[in-house]
Amino acid sequence: MSANASGGGTPSSLDIEDRSRAQCYLLFSGLLHAPPTADLLATAAALEGAGEVALLGALGELGGCARTMTREAVRHEYDDLFLGLGEAGINPYQSYYLTGFLYEKPLAELRRTFRDLGIRGARTTGDPEDHAAAILETMAGLIVGTFGPPVSLPSQKNFFSRHVWTWIPALFRDLVEHQEAVFYRAVGAAGGTFLETEQRAFEQIAPVD
């Protein structure tokens, strides 16, 4: 994580590390938002990595899984996991993970955060704004300056601590542990490892008062 991602910068001034962070957030956002497009699946299939660095290994496993599975198989898996009915399905909303219900206090708090940041809403699909995909997409936007100048690391940390770290690691763990998951088990493992990497880096940053 780079100290160069401070308020007042521009997307062109971002260093490679910040661009890579934003790309990771967007990758996981896209994979959670809907069955991946051919382009997104190709992006995942291009991931390579191995060795002792946990994140590289997890991304490499995701890439390998994307290379061996057809887009149709991934689509069916997405539908079964996220659109299926019953207790076995995954409900990727912050309110649900934190309270057991949709449209609860966490959604209201997220909307307040969006207003404070000048963000109308990351997605306009009709879904509540606290879908994991929208929150991860917002995190990428804060890094690269989608909503204005790239925000400072302390401000990134505040958003991450309130709306990402509180529940999305649990969502990724549920994907890893889901009996029906194959491709999305790899997504969960890589996403969880990425967020752990972010959290360790954010621990070195003083929060905004």
N, C-alpha and C. Protein backbone atom coordinates (compact mmCIF):
# COMPACT_ATOMS: atom_id res chain seq x y z
N MET A 1 0.85 -1.18 0.00
CA MET A 1 0.00 0.00 0.00
C MET A 1 0.88 1.24 0.00
N SER A 2 0.56 2.17 -0.84
CA SER A 2 1.44 3.31 -1.03
C SER A 2 0.94 4.54 -0.30
N ALA A 3 1.86 5.31 0.24
CA ALA A 3 1.51 6.57 0.88
C ALA A 3 1.25 7.66 -0.13
N ASN A 4 1.38 7.37 -1.42
CA ASN A 4 1.16 8.38 -2.44
C ASN A 4 -0.32 8.57 -2.79
N ALA A 5 -1.19 7.69 -2.29
CA ALA A 5 -2.61 7.81 -2.59
C ALA A 5 -3.24 8.82 -1.66
N SER A 6 -2.89 10.06 -1.80
CA SER A 6 -3.39 11.10 -0.91
C SER A 6 -4.33 12.01 -1.66
N GLY A 7 -5.17 12.72 -0.91
CA GLY A 7 -6.11 13.64 -1.52
C GLY A 7 -5.37 14.65 -2.38
N GLY A 8 -5.98 14.98 -3.52
CA GLY A 8 -5.38 15.95 -4.41
C GLY A 8 -4.63 15.34 -5.56
N GLY A 9 -4.44 14.00 -5.54
CA GLY A 9 -3.76 13.35 -6.64
C GLY A 9 -4.70 13.13 -7.80
N THR A 10 -4.19 12.58 -8.87
CA THR A 10 -5.00 12.26 -10.04
C THR A 10 -4.75 10.81 -10.39
N PRO A 11 -5.68 10.18 -11.12
CA PRO A 11 -5.46 8.79 -11.50
C PRO A 11 -4.15 8.56 -12.21
N SER A 12 -3.70 9.51 -13.02
CA SER A 12 -2.46 9.32 -13.75
C SER A 12 -1.25 9.35 -12.85
N SER A 13 -1.40 9.95 -11.64
CA SER A 13 -0.26 10.05 -10.74
C SER A 13 -0.16 8.85 -9.81
N LEU A 14 -1.09 7.92 -9.86
CA LEU A 14 -1.06 6.77 -8.97
C LEU A 14 0.11 5.87 -9.33
N ASP A 15 0.70 5.28 -8.30
CA ASP A 15 1.80 4.37 -8.58
C ASP A 15 1.26 2.97 -8.89
N ILE A 16 2.16 2.08 -9.24
CA ILE A 16 1.76 0.75 -9.68
C ILE A 16 1.03 0.01 -8.57
N GLU A 17 1.46 0.18 -7.34
CA GLU A 17 0.84 -0.54 -6.23
C GLU A 17 -0.62 -0.14 -6.06
N ASP A 18 -0.90 1.16 -6.12
CA ASP A 18 -2.28 1.62 -5.96
C ASP A 18 -3.14 1.17 -7.13
N ARG A 19 -2.60 1.22 -8.33
CA ARG A 19 -3.35 0.72 -9.48
C ARG A 19 -3.66 -0.77 -9.32
N SER A 20 -2.70 -1.52 -8.84
CA SER A 20 -2.90 -2.96 -8.64
C SER A 20 -3.96 -3.22 -7.57
N ARG A 21 -3.93 -2.43 -6.50
CA ARG A 21 -4.95 -2.57 -5.45
C ARG A 21 -6.34 -2.33 -6.03
N ALA A 22 -6.47 -1.24 -6.77
CA ALA A 22 -7.78 -0.91 -7.35
C ALA A 22 -8.24 -2.00 -8.32
N GLN A 23 -7.32 -2.54 -9.11
CA GLN A 23 -7.68 -3.60 -10.05
C GLN A 23 -8.16 -4.84 -9.32
N CYS A 24 -7.54 -5.15 -8.18
CA CYS A 24 -8.00 -6.30 -7.39
C CYS A 24 -9.41 -6.07 -6.87
N TYR A 25 -9.66 -4.88 -6.32
CA TYR A 25 -11.01 -4.58 -5.84
C TYR A 25 -12.03 -4.72 -6.97
N LEU A 26 -11.69 -4.20 -8.15
CA LEU A 26 -12.62 -4.27 -9.28
C LEU A 26 -12.81 -5.70 -9.77
N LEU A 27 -11.76 -6.49 -9.74
CA LEU A 27 -11.88 -7.89 -10.13
C LEU A 27 -12.88 -8.61 -9.23
N PHE A 28 -12.70 -8.50 -7.93
CA PHE A 28 -13.60 -9.21 -7.02
C PHE A 28 -15.00 -8.62 -7.05
N SER A 29 -15.10 -7.31 -7.26
CA SER A 29 -16.41 -6.70 -7.43
C SER A 29 -17.14 -7.30 -8.62
N GLY A 30 -16.46 -7.38 -9.75
CA GLY A 30 -17.08 -7.92 -10.94
C GLY A 30 -17.49 -9.37 -10.79
N LEU A 31 -16.66 -10.16 -10.13
CA LEU A 31 -16.96 -11.57 -9.96
C LEU A 31 -18.14 -11.80 -9.02
N LEU A 32 -18.37 -10.88 -8.09
CA LEU A 32 -19.49 -11.00 -7.17
C LEU A 32 -20.77 -10.38 -7.71
N HIS A 33 -20.63 -9.44 -8.62
CA HIS A 33 -21.80 -8.70 -9.10
C HIS A 33 -22.71 -9.54 -9.97
N ALA A 34 -22.14 -10.37 -10.82
CA ALA A 34 -22.92 -11.13 -11.80
C ALA A 34 -22.02 -12.24 -12.34
N PRO A 35 -22.62 -13.21 -13.04
CA PRO A 35 -21.75 -14.20 -13.71
C PRO A 35 -20.75 -13.47 -14.59
N PRO A 36 -19.48 -13.82 -14.53
CA PRO A 36 -18.46 -13.04 -15.24
C PRO A 36 -18.65 -13.05 -16.75
N THR A 37 -18.41 -11.89 -17.33
CA THR A 37 -18.37 -11.80 -18.78
C THR A 37 -17.16 -12.56 -19.30
N ALA A 38 -17.12 -12.75 -20.60
CA ALA A 38 -15.96 -13.43 -21.20
C ALA A 38 -14.68 -12.65 -20.92
N ASP A 39 -14.76 -11.32 -20.99
CA ASP A 39 -13.57 -10.50 -20.74
C ASP A 39 -13.11 -10.62 -19.29
N LEU A 40 -14.06 -10.60 -18.35
CA LEU A 40 -13.69 -10.69 -16.95
C LEU A 40 -13.11 -12.06 -16.63
N LEU A 41 -13.70 -13.09 -17.19
CA LEU A 41 -13.16 -14.43 -16.97
C LEU A 41 -11.77 -14.56 -17.57
N ALA A 42 -11.54 -13.91 -18.70
CA ALA A 42 -10.21 -13.92 -19.30
C ALA A 42 -9.21 -13.18 -18.41
N THR A 43 -9.66 -12.10 -17.80
CA THR A 43 -8.79 -11.38 -16.86
C THR A 43 -8.41 -12.27 -15.70
N ALA A 44 -9.38 -13.00 -15.16
CA ALA A 44 -9.09 -13.92 -14.07
C ALA A 44 -8.15 -15.04 -14.53
N ALA A 45 -8.38 -15.54 -15.76
CA ALA A 45 -7.55 -16.63 -16.27
C ALA A 45 -6.10 -16.21 -16.50
N ALA A 46 -5.87 -14.92 -16.66
CA ALA A 46 -4.51 -14.42 -16.89
C ALA A 46 -3.70 -14.31 -15.60
N LEU A 47 -4.36 -14.48 -14.45
CA LEU A 47 -3.65 -14.38 -13.17
C LEU A 47 -2.70 -15.54 -13.01
N GLU A 48 -1.50 -15.23 -12.61
CA GLU A 48 -0.50 -16.26 -12.34
C GLU A 48 0.23 -15.90 -11.07
N GLY A 49 0.64 -16.88 -10.34
CA GLY A 49 1.39 -16.61 -9.13
C GLY A 49 1.65 -17.90 -8.37
N ALA A 50 2.73 -17.92 -7.65
CA ALA A 50 3.10 -19.08 -6.86
C ALA A 50 4.17 -18.65 -5.87
N GLY A 51 4.57 -19.58 -5.04
CA GLY A 51 5.64 -19.28 -4.10
C GLY A 51 5.12 -19.04 -2.70
N GLU A 52 5.95 -18.39 -1.88
CA GLU A 52 5.65 -18.25 -0.47
C GLU A 52 4.73 -17.07 -0.16
N VAL A 53 4.53 -16.16 -1.09
CA VAL A 53 3.65 -15.02 -0.86
C VAL A 53 2.21 -15.50 -1.00
N ALA A 54 1.44 -15.42 0.09
CA ALA A 54 0.10 -16.01 0.11
C ALA A 54 -0.81 -15.42 -0.96
N LEU A 55 -0.78 -14.10 -1.13
CA LEU A 55 -1.68 -13.48 -2.09
C LEU A 55 -1.36 -13.93 -3.51
N LEU A 56 -0.09 -14.00 -3.86
CA LEU A 56 0.28 -14.44 -5.21
C LEU A 56 -0.18 -15.87 -5.45
N GLY A 57 -0.01 -16.72 -4.46
CA GLY A 57 -0.45 -18.10 -4.60
C GLY A 57 -1.95 -18.21 -4.77
N ALA A 58 -2.71 -17.42 -3.99
CA ALA A 58 -4.17 -17.46 -4.07
C ALA A 58 -4.65 -16.94 -5.42
N LEU A 59 -4.03 -15.87 -5.90
CA LEU A 59 -4.41 -15.34 -7.21
C LEU A 59 -4.06 -16.33 -8.31
N GLY A 60 -2.92 -17.00 -8.16
CA GLY A 60 -2.53 -18.00 -9.14
C GLY A 60 -3.53 -19.16 -9.18
N GLU A 61 -4.03 -19.57 -8.02
CA GLU A 61 -5.02 -20.64 -7.99
C GLU A 61 -6.32 -20.21 -8.64
N LEU A 62 -6.71 -18.96 -8.41
CA LEU A 62 -7.90 -18.44 -9.07
C LEU A 62 -7.71 -18.43 -10.58
N GLY A 63 -6.53 -18.00 -11.04
CA GLY A 63 -6.25 -18.00 -12.46
C GLY A 63 -6.31 -19.40 -13.05
N GLY A 64 -5.75 -20.35 -12.35
CA GLY A 64 -5.77 -21.73 -12.84
C GLY A 64 -7.19 -22.27 -12.92
N CYS A 65 -8.01 -21.94 -11.93
CA CYS A 65 -9.40 -22.38 -11.94
C CYS A 65 -10.16 -21.76 -13.12
N ALA A 66 -9.90 -20.47 -13.36
CA ALA A 66 -10.57 -19.78 -14.47
C ALA A 66 -10.16 -20.37 -15.81
N ARG A 67 -8.94 -20.86 -15.90
CA ARG A 67 -8.47 -21.44 -17.17
C ARG A 67 -9.06 -22.82 -17.43
N THR A 68 -9.46 -23.52 -16.38
CA THR A 68 -9.93 -24.90 -16.56
C THR A 68 -11.45 -25.01 -16.62
N MET A 69 -12.18 -23.97 -16.19
CA MET A 69 -13.63 -24.03 -16.19
C MET A 69 -14.21 -23.23 -17.36
N THR A 70 -15.31 -23.71 -17.90
CA THR A 70 -15.97 -22.97 -18.96
C THR A 70 -16.78 -21.83 -18.37
N ARG A 71 -17.04 -20.84 -19.20
CA ARG A 71 -17.86 -19.72 -18.75
C ARG A 71 -19.26 -20.19 -18.35
N GLU A 72 -19.79 -21.17 -19.07
CA GLU A 72 -21.12 -21.69 -18.76
C GLU A 72 -21.13 -22.35 -17.38
N ALA A 73 -20.09 -23.10 -17.05
CA ALA A 73 -20.02 -23.75 -15.75
C ALA A 73 -19.93 -22.70 -14.64
N VAL A 74 -19.16 -21.65 -14.87
CA VAL A 74 -19.04 -20.59 -13.87
C VAL A 74 -20.37 -19.88 -13.70
N ARG A 75 -21.07 -19.66 -14.81
CA ARG A 75 -22.39 -18.99 -14.73
C ARG A 75 -23.36 -19.83 -13.91
N HIS A 76 -23.40 -21.13 -14.16
CA HIS A 76 -24.30 -21.99 -13.39
C HIS A 76 -23.93 -21.97 -11.91
N GLU A 77 -22.64 -21.97 -11.63
CA GLU A 77 -22.22 -21.93 -10.22
C GLU A 77 -22.64 -20.62 -9.57
N TYR A 78 -22.45 -19.51 -10.28
CA TYR A 78 -22.88 -18.22 -9.74
C TYR A 78 -24.38 -18.23 -9.43
N ASP A 79 -25.17 -18.71 -10.39
CA ASP A 79 -26.62 -18.74 -10.19
C ASP A 79 -26.99 -19.59 -8.99
N ASP A 80 -26.35 -20.74 -8.84
CA ASP A 80 -26.66 -21.62 -7.72
C ASP A 80 -26.29 -20.99 -6.38
N LEU A 81 -25.15 -20.30 -6.35
CA LEU A 81 -24.67 -19.73 -5.09
C LEU A 81 -25.41 -18.47 -4.69
N PHE A 82 -25.60 -17.55 -5.65
CA PHE A 82 -26.09 -16.22 -5.32
C PHE A 82 -27.56 -15.98 -5.67
N LEU A 83 -28.10 -16.78 -6.55
CA LEU A 83 -29.48 -16.57 -6.96
C LEU A 83 -30.40 -17.71 -6.51
N GLY A 84 -29.80 -18.76 -5.99
CA GLY A 84 -30.60 -19.89 -5.53
C GLY A 84 -31.37 -19.56 -4.26
N LEU A 85 -32.45 -20.28 -4.07
CA LEU A 85 -33.28 -20.08 -2.90
C LEU A 85 -32.84 -21.02 -1.77
N GLY A 86 -33.20 -20.64 -0.54
CA GLY A 86 -32.91 -21.51 0.58
C GLY A 86 -31.68 -21.10 1.36
N GLU A 87 -31.43 -21.83 2.42
CA GLU A 87 -30.35 -21.49 3.34
C GLU A 87 -28.97 -21.71 2.74
N ALA A 88 -28.87 -22.52 1.69
CA ALA A 88 -27.56 -22.81 1.11
C ALA A 88 -27.02 -21.66 0.26
N GLY A 89 -27.89 -20.71 -0.11
CA GLY A 89 -27.45 -19.61 -0.94
C GLY A 89 -26.64 -18.59 -0.18
N ILE A 90 -25.88 -17.80 -0.93
CA ILE A 90 -25.06 -16.73 -0.37
C ILE A 90 -25.79 -15.41 -0.59
N ASN A 91 -25.98 -14.64 0.47
CA ASN A 91 -26.69 -13.35 0.40
C ASN A 91 -25.67 -12.24 0.59
N PRO A 92 -25.17 -11.64 -0.50
CA PRO A 92 -23.97 -10.79 -0.41
C PRO A 92 -24.24 -9.32 -0.05
N TYR A 93 -24.99 -9.11 1.02
CA TYR A 93 -25.32 -7.75 1.44
C TYR A 93 -24.83 -7.50 2.87
N GLN A 94 -24.31 -6.29 3.08
CA GLN A 94 -23.76 -5.94 4.38
C GLN A 94 -24.82 -6.05 5.48
N SER A 95 -26.01 -5.53 5.24
CA SER A 95 -27.06 -5.60 6.26
C SER A 95 -27.36 -7.04 6.64
N TYR A 96 -27.43 -7.90 5.65
CA TYR A 96 -27.76 -9.30 5.94
C TYR A 96 -26.66 -9.95 6.77
N TYR A 97 -25.41 -9.71 6.41
CA TYR A 97 -24.32 -10.35 7.14
C TYR A 97 -24.19 -9.84 8.57
N LEU A 98 -24.51 -8.57 8.79
CA LEU A 98 -24.33 -7.99 10.11
C LEU A 98 -25.58 -8.07 10.99
N THR A 99 -26.75 -8.20 10.39
CA THR A 99 -27.98 -8.22 11.19
C THR A 99 -28.88 -9.42 10.91
N GLY A 100 -28.67 -10.11 9.80
CA GLY A 100 -29.56 -11.20 9.42
C GLY A 100 -30.74 -10.77 8.58
N PHE A 101 -30.83 -9.46 8.27
CA PHE A 101 -31.95 -8.94 7.49
C PHE A 101 -31.43 -7.92 6.49
N LEU A 102 -32.18 -7.72 5.40
CA LEU A 102 -31.85 -6.69 4.42
C LEU A 102 -32.42 -5.34 4.87
N TYR A 103 -31.88 -4.28 4.28
CA TYR A 103 -32.38 -2.91 4.50
C TYR A 103 -32.34 -2.52 5.98
N GLU A 104 -31.29 -2.90 6.68
CA GLU A 104 -31.16 -2.57 8.09
C GLU A 104 -30.14 -1.44 8.30
N LYS A 105 -29.77 -1.21 9.55
CA LYS A 105 -28.92 -0.09 9.93
C LYS A 105 -27.62 -0.01 9.12
N PRO A 106 -26.94 -1.13 8.83
CA PRO A 106 -25.70 -1.01 8.04
C PRO A 106 -25.91 -0.34 6.68
N LEU A 107 -27.06 -0.57 6.05
CA LEU A 107 -27.34 0.09 4.77
C LEU A 107 -27.51 1.59 4.98
N ALA A 108 -28.20 1.98 6.03
CA ALA A 108 -28.37 3.41 6.32
C ALA A 108 -27.02 4.07 6.60
N GLU A 109 -26.15 3.36 7.31
CA GLU A 109 -24.82 3.91 7.61
C GLU A 109 -23.99 4.02 6.33
N LEU A 110 -24.11 3.05 5.45
CA LEU A 110 -23.38 3.11 4.17
C LEU A 110 -23.88 4.29 3.34
N ARG A 111 -25.17 4.48 3.29
CA ARG A 111 -25.72 5.60 2.54
C ARG A 111 -25.24 6.93 3.11
N ARG A 112 -25.12 7.00 4.43
CA ARG A 112 -24.60 8.22 5.06
C ARG A 112 -23.13 8.42 4.66
N THR A 113 -22.37 7.34 4.64
CA THR A 113 -20.97 7.44 4.21
C THR A 113 -20.88 7.90 2.77
N PHE A 114 -21.73 7.35 1.90
CA PHE A 114 -21.76 7.78 0.50
C PHE A 114 -22.04 9.28 0.40
N ARG A 115 -23.00 9.76 1.17
CA ARG A 115 -23.32 11.20 1.13
C ARG A 115 -22.13 12.03 1.58
N ASP A 116 -21.47 11.58 2.65
CA ASP A 116 -20.31 12.31 3.15
C ASP A 116 -19.19 12.36 2.12
N LEU A 117 -19.07 11.31 1.32
CA LEU A 117 -18.02 11.23 0.30
C LEU A 117 -18.46 11.83 -1.03
N GLY A 118 -19.71 12.24 -1.12
CA GLY A 118 -20.22 12.78 -2.38
C GLY A 118 -20.50 11.73 -3.42
N ILE A 119 -20.82 10.51 -2.98
CA ILE A 119 -21.09 9.40 -3.89
C ILE A 119 -22.59 9.14 -3.89
N ARG A 120 -23.18 9.10 -5.05
CA ARG A 120 -24.62 8.84 -5.14
C ARG A 120 -24.93 7.36 -4.92
N GLY A 121 -24.12 6.52 -5.48
CA GLY A 121 -24.35 5.08 -5.39
C GLY A 121 -23.50 4.40 -6.44
N ALA A 122 -22.83 3.32 -6.06
CA ALA A 122 -21.89 2.69 -6.96
C ALA A 122 -22.58 1.95 -8.10
N ARG A 123 -23.83 1.50 -7.87
CA ARG A 123 -24.53 0.75 -8.91
C ARG A 123 -25.98 1.23 -8.99
N THR A 124 -26.59 1.04 -10.13
CA THR A 124 -27.97 1.49 -10.32
C THR A 124 -28.84 0.33 -10.80
N THR A 125 -28.61 -0.86 -10.30
CA THR A 125 -29.35 -2.04 -10.74
C THR A 125 -30.65 -2.21 -9.97
N GLY A 126 -30.92 -1.39 -8.97
CA GLY A 126 -32.08 -1.58 -8.13
C GLY A 126 -31.77 -2.35 -6.88
N ASP A 127 -30.59 -2.99 -6.79
CA ASP A 127 -30.18 -3.68 -5.58
C ASP A 127 -29.84 -2.67 -4.49
N PRO A 128 -29.98 -3.04 -3.22
CA PRO A 128 -29.47 -2.17 -2.15
C PRO A 128 -27.99 -1.87 -2.36
N GLU A 129 -27.58 -0.69 -1.95
CA GLU A 129 -26.20 -0.25 -2.19
C GLU A 129 -25.17 -1.05 -1.39
N ASP A 130 -25.62 -1.84 -0.41
CA ASP A 130 -24.65 -2.56 0.42
C ASP A 130 -24.32 -3.95 -0.12
N HIS A 131 -24.56 -4.17 -1.40
CA HIS A 131 -24.06 -5.39 -2.05
C HIS A 131 -22.54 -5.36 -2.03
N ALA A 132 -21.93 -6.51 -1.78
CA ALA A 132 -20.46 -6.59 -1.71
C ALA A 132 -19.80 -6.03 -2.95
N ALA A 133 -20.39 -6.29 -4.11
CA ALA A 133 -19.79 -5.80 -5.36
C ALA A 133 -19.74 -4.29 -5.39
N ALA A 134 -20.81 -3.63 -4.95
CA ALA A 134 -20.84 -2.17 -4.96
C ALA A 134 -19.84 -1.59 -3.97
N ILE A 135 -19.70 -2.23 -2.82
CA ILE A 135 -18.77 -1.72 -1.81
C ILE A 135 -17.33 -1.88 -2.28
N LEU A 136 -17.00 -3.01 -2.88
CA LEU A 136 -15.64 -3.20 -3.40
C LEU A 136 -15.36 -2.26 -4.55
N GLU A 137 -16.36 -2.03 -5.40
CA GLU A 137 -16.20 -1.08 -6.49
C GLU A 137 -15.95 0.32 -5.95
N THR A 138 -16.66 0.67 -4.88
CA THR A 138 -16.45 1.98 -4.26
C THR A 138 -15.05 2.11 -3.72
N MET A 139 -14.55 1.05 -3.10
CA MET A 139 -13.20 1.08 -2.57
C MET A 139 -12.19 1.35 -3.68
N ALA A 140 -12.37 0.71 -4.83
CA ALA A 140 -11.48 0.98 -5.96
C ALA A 140 -11.60 2.42 -6.40
N GLY A 141 -12.81 2.95 -6.42
CA GLY A 141 -13.01 4.33 -6.83
C GLY A 141 -12.35 5.32 -5.91
N LEU A 142 -12.35 5.03 -4.62
CA LEU A 142 -11.67 5.91 -3.67
C LEU A 142 -10.17 5.94 -3.92
N ILE A 143 -9.62 4.81 -4.33
CA ILE A 143 -8.18 4.73 -4.57
C ILE A 143 -7.79 5.51 -5.84
N VAL A 144 -8.55 5.32 -6.91
CA VAL A 144 -8.13 5.89 -8.20
C VAL A 144 -8.75 7.25 -8.49
N GLY A 145 -9.75 7.67 -7.71
CA GLY A 145 -10.32 8.98 -7.93
C GLY A 145 -11.54 8.98 -8.85
N THR A 146 -12.31 7.93 -8.82
CA THR A 146 -13.52 7.86 -9.63
C THR A 146 -14.54 8.93 -9.24
N PHE A 147 -14.59 9.24 -7.95
CA PHE A 147 -15.61 10.15 -7.43
C PHE A 147 -15.06 11.56 -7.16
N GLY A 148 -13.88 11.84 -7.65
CA GLY A 148 -13.18 13.07 -7.36
C GLY A 148 -11.71 12.73 -7.22
N PRO A 149 -10.93 13.57 -6.53
CA PRO A 149 -9.53 13.22 -6.31
C PRO A 149 -9.40 11.92 -5.51
N PRO A 150 -8.38 11.12 -5.75
CA PRO A 150 -8.14 9.95 -4.90
C PRO A 150 -8.09 10.37 -3.44
N VAL A 151 -8.74 9.60 -2.57
CA VAL A 151 -8.81 10.01 -1.17
C VAL A 151 -7.55 9.56 -0.43
N SER A 152 -7.33 10.16 0.72
CA SER A 152 -6.14 9.85 1.52
C SER A 152 -6.21 8.42 2.05
N LEU A 153 -5.07 7.87 2.41
CA LEU A 153 -5.05 6.54 3.00
C LEU A 153 -5.85 6.46 4.29
N PRO A 154 -5.79 7.47 5.19
CA PRO A 154 -6.65 7.38 6.37
C PRO A 154 -8.14 7.32 6.02
N SER A 155 -8.57 8.05 4.99
CA SER A 155 -9.97 7.99 4.58
C SER A 155 -10.30 6.64 3.94
N GLN A 156 -9.36 6.10 3.16
CA GLN A 156 -9.55 4.74 2.65
C GLN A 156 -9.71 3.75 3.79
N LYS A 157 -8.86 3.92 4.80
CA LYS A 157 -8.91 3.01 5.95
C LYS A 157 -10.26 3.09 6.64
N ASN A 158 -10.78 4.29 6.81
CA ASN A 158 -12.08 4.44 7.47
C ASN A 158 -13.17 3.70 6.72
N PHE A 159 -13.21 3.88 5.39
CA PHE A 159 -14.23 3.19 4.60
C PHE A 159 -14.02 1.68 4.68
N PHE A 160 -12.80 1.24 4.54
CA PHE A 160 -12.47 -0.19 4.60
C PHE A 160 -12.90 -0.78 5.94
N SER A 161 -12.56 -0.08 7.04
CA SER A 161 -12.86 -0.60 8.37
C SER A 161 -14.36 -0.69 8.63
N ARG A 162 -15.11 0.27 8.12
CA ARG A 162 -16.55 0.32 8.38
C ARG A 162 -17.35 -0.61 7.48
N HIS A 163 -16.95 -0.69 6.23
CA HIS A 163 -17.84 -1.31 5.25
C HIS A 163 -17.26 -2.50 4.50
N VAL A 164 -15.99 -2.79 4.69
CA VAL A 164 -15.37 -3.94 4.03
C VAL A 164 -14.95 -4.98 5.06
N TRP A 165 -14.06 -4.59 5.95
CA TRP A 165 -13.45 -5.53 6.89
C TRP A 165 -14.46 -6.11 7.87
N THR A 166 -15.55 -5.40 8.13
CA THR A 166 -16.55 -5.85 9.10
C THR A 166 -17.30 -7.11 8.65
N TRP A 167 -17.30 -7.40 7.34
CA TRP A 167 -18.13 -8.54 6.91
C TRP A 167 -17.70 -9.23 5.62
N ILE A 168 -17.04 -8.55 4.71
CA ILE A 168 -16.73 -9.21 3.44
C ILE A 168 -15.75 -10.37 3.61
N PRO A 169 -14.80 -10.33 4.57
CA PRO A 169 -14.01 -11.54 4.80
C PRO A 169 -14.88 -12.75 5.16
N ALA A 170 -15.96 -12.53 5.92
CA ALA A 170 -16.86 -13.63 6.26
C ALA A 170 -17.57 -14.16 5.01
N LEU A 171 -17.95 -13.26 4.12
CA LEU A 171 -18.56 -13.67 2.86
C LEU A 171 -17.59 -14.53 2.07
N PHE A 172 -16.33 -14.11 1.98
CA PHE A 172 -15.34 -14.90 1.25
C PHE A 172 -15.11 -16.25 1.92
N ARG A 173 -15.10 -16.28 3.26
CA ARG A 173 -14.95 -17.57 3.95
C ARG A 173 -16.13 -18.50 3.64
N ASP A 174 -17.32 -17.93 3.57
CA ASP A 174 -18.49 -18.76 3.26
C ASP A 174 -18.37 -19.35 1.86
N LEU A 175 -17.79 -18.61 0.93
CA LEU A 175 -17.56 -19.15 -0.41
C LEU A 175 -16.55 -20.29 -0.37
N VAL A 176 -15.49 -20.10 0.40
CA VAL A 176 -14.46 -21.15 0.50
C VAL A 176 -15.05 -22.44 1.08
N GLU A 177 -15.96 -22.29 2.03
CA GLU A 177 -16.50 -23.45 2.74
C GLU A 177 -17.75 -24.04 2.09
N HIS A 178 -18.29 -23.37 1.08
CA HIS A 178 -19.53 -23.84 0.47
C HIS A 178 -19.30 -25.12 -0.31
N GLN A 179 -20.12 -26.11 -0.07
CA GLN A 179 -19.92 -27.41 -0.69
C GLN A 179 -20.09 -27.39 -2.20
N GLU A 180 -20.88 -26.46 -2.71
CA GLU A 180 -21.14 -26.41 -4.15
C GLU A 180 -20.16 -25.52 -4.90
N ALA A 181 -19.28 -24.83 -4.20
CA ALA A 181 -18.39 -23.87 -4.85
C ALA A 181 -17.14 -24.56 -5.38
N VAL A 182 -16.77 -24.22 -6.58
CA VAL A 182 -15.50 -24.66 -7.18
C VAL A 182 -14.74 -23.40 -7.61
N PHE A 183 -15.25 -22.74 -8.66
CA PHE A 183 -14.64 -21.48 -9.07
C PHE A 183 -14.74 -20.45 -7.95
N TYR A 184 -15.89 -20.35 -7.32
CA TYR A 184 -16.07 -19.32 -6.29
C TYR A 184 -15.39 -19.67 -4.98
N ARG A 185 -14.99 -20.92 -4.82
CA ARG A 185 -14.11 -21.24 -3.69
C ARG A 185 -12.76 -20.57 -3.90
N ALA A 186 -12.27 -20.60 -5.14
CA ALA A 186 -11.01 -19.92 -5.46
C ALA A 186 -11.17 -18.41 -5.35
N VAL A 187 -12.33 -17.88 -5.77
CA VAL A 187 -12.59 -16.45 -5.60
C VAL A 187 -12.56 -16.08 -4.13
N GLY A 188 -13.21 -16.87 -3.30
CA GLY A 188 -13.24 -16.59 -1.87
C GLY A 188 -11.86 -16.64 -1.23
N ALA A 189 -11.07 -17.63 -1.63
CA ALA A 189 -9.72 -17.75 -1.06
C ALA A 189 -8.85 -16.57 -1.46
N ALA A 190 -8.90 -16.20 -2.73
CA ALA A 190 -8.08 -15.08 -3.19
C ALA A 190 -8.59 -13.75 -2.63
N GLY A 191 -9.91 -13.58 -2.62
CA GLY A 191 -10.46 -12.34 -2.08
C GLY A 191 -10.16 -12.18 -0.60
N GLY A 192 -10.31 -13.25 0.16
CA GLY A 192 -10.00 -13.17 1.58
C GLY A 192 -8.54 -12.86 1.84
N THR A 193 -7.66 -13.47 1.08
CA THR A 193 -6.23 -13.21 1.26
C THR A 193 -5.89 -11.78 0.88
N PHE A 194 -6.51 -11.28 -0.17
CA PHE A 194 -6.29 -9.88 -0.56
C PHE A 194 -6.73 -8.93 0.54
N LEU A 195 -7.91 -9.15 1.11
CA LEU A 195 -8.38 -8.26 2.17
C LEU A 195 -7.52 -8.35 3.43
N GLU A 196 -7.00 -9.52 3.72
CA GLU A 196 -6.06 -9.64 4.84
C GLU A 196 -4.80 -8.83 4.60
N THR A 197 -4.33 -8.83 3.36
CA THR A 197 -3.16 -8.03 2.99
C THR A 197 -3.46 -6.54 3.17
N GLU A 198 -4.63 -6.12 2.73
CA GLU A 198 -5.05 -4.72 2.90
C GLU A 198 -5.14 -4.35 4.38
N GLN A 199 -5.74 -5.23 5.17
CA GLN A 199 -5.90 -4.93 6.59
C GLN A 199 -4.56 -4.77 7.29
N ARG A 200 -3.61 -5.64 6.97
CA ARG A 200 -2.29 -5.52 7.60
C ARG A 200 -1.63 -4.20 7.24
N ALA A 201 -1.80 -3.77 5.99
CA ALA A 201 -1.23 -2.49 5.58
C ALA A 201 -1.95 -1.32 6.25
N PHE A 202 -3.27 -1.39 6.33
CA PHE A 202 -4.03 -0.31 6.96
C PHE A 202 -3.73 -0.18 8.45
N GLU A 203 -3.29 -1.25 9.08
CA GLU A 203 -2.94 -1.18 10.50
C GLU A 203 -1.80 -0.20 10.76
N GLN A 204 -1.03 0.10 9.73
CA GLN A 204 0.08 1.03 9.87
C GLN A 204 -0.35 2.48 9.66
N ILE A 205 -1.62 2.70 9.29
CA ILE A 205 -2.12 4.04 8.96
C ILE A 205 -3.01 4.54 10.08
N ALA A 206 -2.75 5.76 10.56
CA ALA A 206 -3.61 6.35 11.58
C ALA A 206 -4.96 6.69 10.97
N PRO A 207 -6.08 6.38 11.65
CA PRO A 207 -7.40 6.68 11.09
C PRO A 207 -7.71 8.17 11.14
N VAL A 208 -8.72 8.57 10.36
CA VAL A 208 -9.22 9.95 10.42
C VAL A 208 -10.02 10.09 11.70
N ASP A 209 -9.84 11.20 12.40
CA ASP A 209 -10.61 11.44 13.63
C ASP A 209 -12.09 11.64 13.31
